[in-house]
Amino acid sequence: MGLSNNDVLKKLRYAMNIKDGKMKDIFELGGGNTSLNEVTAYLSKEDDMSFRECTDQNLVYFLDGLITLKRGKKDTTHKTGRVLMPKD
């Protein structure tokens, strides 16, 4: 049995000592629109009345936001990788 998305959020929150308000900001950095109540619901216990499952998309928003927070915005002006040349 693997970790649920909620478990991943909880583990990252405690490992990185992130407060609820900062988690909301991280969701927004990743492109999500999550309220503070939703963040609290994601972090509550499963048997709690306010518990809400974190969807895969919301976890993606959080992880993308965390990367943006730690590394900065992605530079899209510089292209890297292979350049294909047209055949003569």
Protein backbone atom coordinates (compact mmCIF):
# COMPACT_ATOMS: atom_id res chain seq x y z
CA MET A 1 0.00 0.00 0.00
CA GLY A 2 1.50 3.31 -1.12
CA LEU A 3 1.24 6.81 0.17
CA SER A 4 -1.83 8.87 -0.63
CA ASN A 5 -1.49 12.40 -1.98
CA ASN A 6 -2.52 13.68 1.47
CA ASP A 7 0.29 11.66 3.07
CA VAL A 8 2.81 13.18 0.65
CA LEU A 9 1.60 16.69 1.53
CA LYS A 10 1.80 15.97 5.26
CA LYS A 11 5.30 14.49 5.03
CA LEU A 12 6.61 17.41 2.98
CA ARG A 13 4.97 19.90 5.31
CA TYR A 14 6.57 18.44 8.41
CA ALA A 15 9.95 17.73 6.79
CA MET A 16 10.23 21.29 5.50
CA ASN A 17 8.42 22.95 8.43
CA ILE A 18 5.88 24.71 6.19
CA LYS A 19 2.93 26.53 7.77
CA ASP A 20 -0.61 26.24 6.36
CA GLY A 21 -0.59 29.77 4.94
CA LYS A 22 2.70 29.15 3.16
CA MET A 23 1.30 25.90 1.74
CA LYS A 24 -1.59 27.88 0.26
CA ASP A 25 0.94 30.23 -1.33
CA ILE A 26 2.87 27.26 -2.74
CA PHE A 27 -0.30 25.86 -4.34
CA GLU A 28 -0.86 29.25 -5.99
CA LEU A 29 2.76 29.43 -7.22
CA GLY A 30 2.15 26.12 -8.98
CA GLY A 31 -0.97 27.43 -10.70
CA GLY A 32 -3.61 26.11 -8.34
CA ASN A 33 -6.44 27.98 -6.70
CA THR A 34 -6.60 26.44 -3.24
CA SER A 35 -8.11 28.07 -0.16
CA LEU A 36 -6.68 27.90 3.34
CA ASN A 37 -9.66 25.73 4.36
CA GLU A 38 -8.82 23.23 1.61
CA VAL A 39 -5.20 23.07 2.75
CA THR A 40 -6.36 22.39 6.31
CA ALA A 41 -8.75 19.70 5.03
CA TYR A 42 -5.92 18.01 3.09
CA LEU A 43 -3.78 17.91 6.24
CA SER A 44 -6.47 16.69 8.64
CA LYS A 45 -6.87 13.06 9.65
CA GLU A 46 -9.01 10.76 7.52
CA ASP A 47 -11.59 10.28 10.27
CA ASP A 48 -11.99 14.04 10.74
CA MET A 49 -15.20 15.58 9.39
CA SER A 50 -13.25 18.24 7.48
CA PHE A 51 -10.95 15.72 5.73
CA ARG A 52 -10.77 16.07 1.97
CA GLU A 53 -8.74 13.99 -0.47
CA CYS A 54 -6.05 15.82 -2.38
CA THR A 55 -6.45 15.15 -6.09
CA ASP A 56 -3.53 14.27 -8.35
CA GLN A 57 -3.82 17.66 -10.05
CA ASN A 58 -3.69 19.53 -6.73
CA LEU A 59 -0.59 17.57 -5.73
CA VAL A 60 0.99 18.56 -9.07
CA TYR A 61 0.16 22.22 -8.33
CA PHE A 62 1.82 21.92 -4.93
CA LEU A 63 4.94 20.18 -6.22
CA ASP A 64 5.31 22.64 -9.11
CA GLY A 65 4.89 25.53 -6.68
CA LEU A 66 7.48 24.04 -4.33
CA ILE A 67 9.97 23.77 -7.19
CA THR A 68 9.26 27.37 -8.18
CA LEU A 69 9.70 28.50 -4.58
CA LYS A 70 13.03 26.75 -4.18
CA ARG A 71 14.54 27.28 -7.67
CA GLY A 72 12.77 30.36 -8.97
CA LYS A 73 10.67 30.80 -12.07
CA LYS A 74 11.57 28.70 -15.09
CA ASP A 75 13.53 30.60 -17.72
CA THR A 76 11.73 29.96 -21.00
CA THR A 77 13.83 32.37 -23.07
CA HIS A 78 16.87 30.08 -23.27
CA LYS A 79 16.32 26.92 -25.29
CA THR A 80 18.42 23.89 -24.60
CA GLY A 81 18.59 20.50 -26.15
CA ARG A 82 18.99 19.17 -29.60
CA VAL A 83 18.50 21.45 -32.59
CA LEU A 84 17.39 19.73 -35.76
CA MET A 85 18.88 21.04 -38.98
CA PRO A 86 16.87 20.86 -42.21
CA LYS A 87 18.05 18.44 -44.86
CA ASP A 88 19.56 19.92 -48.03
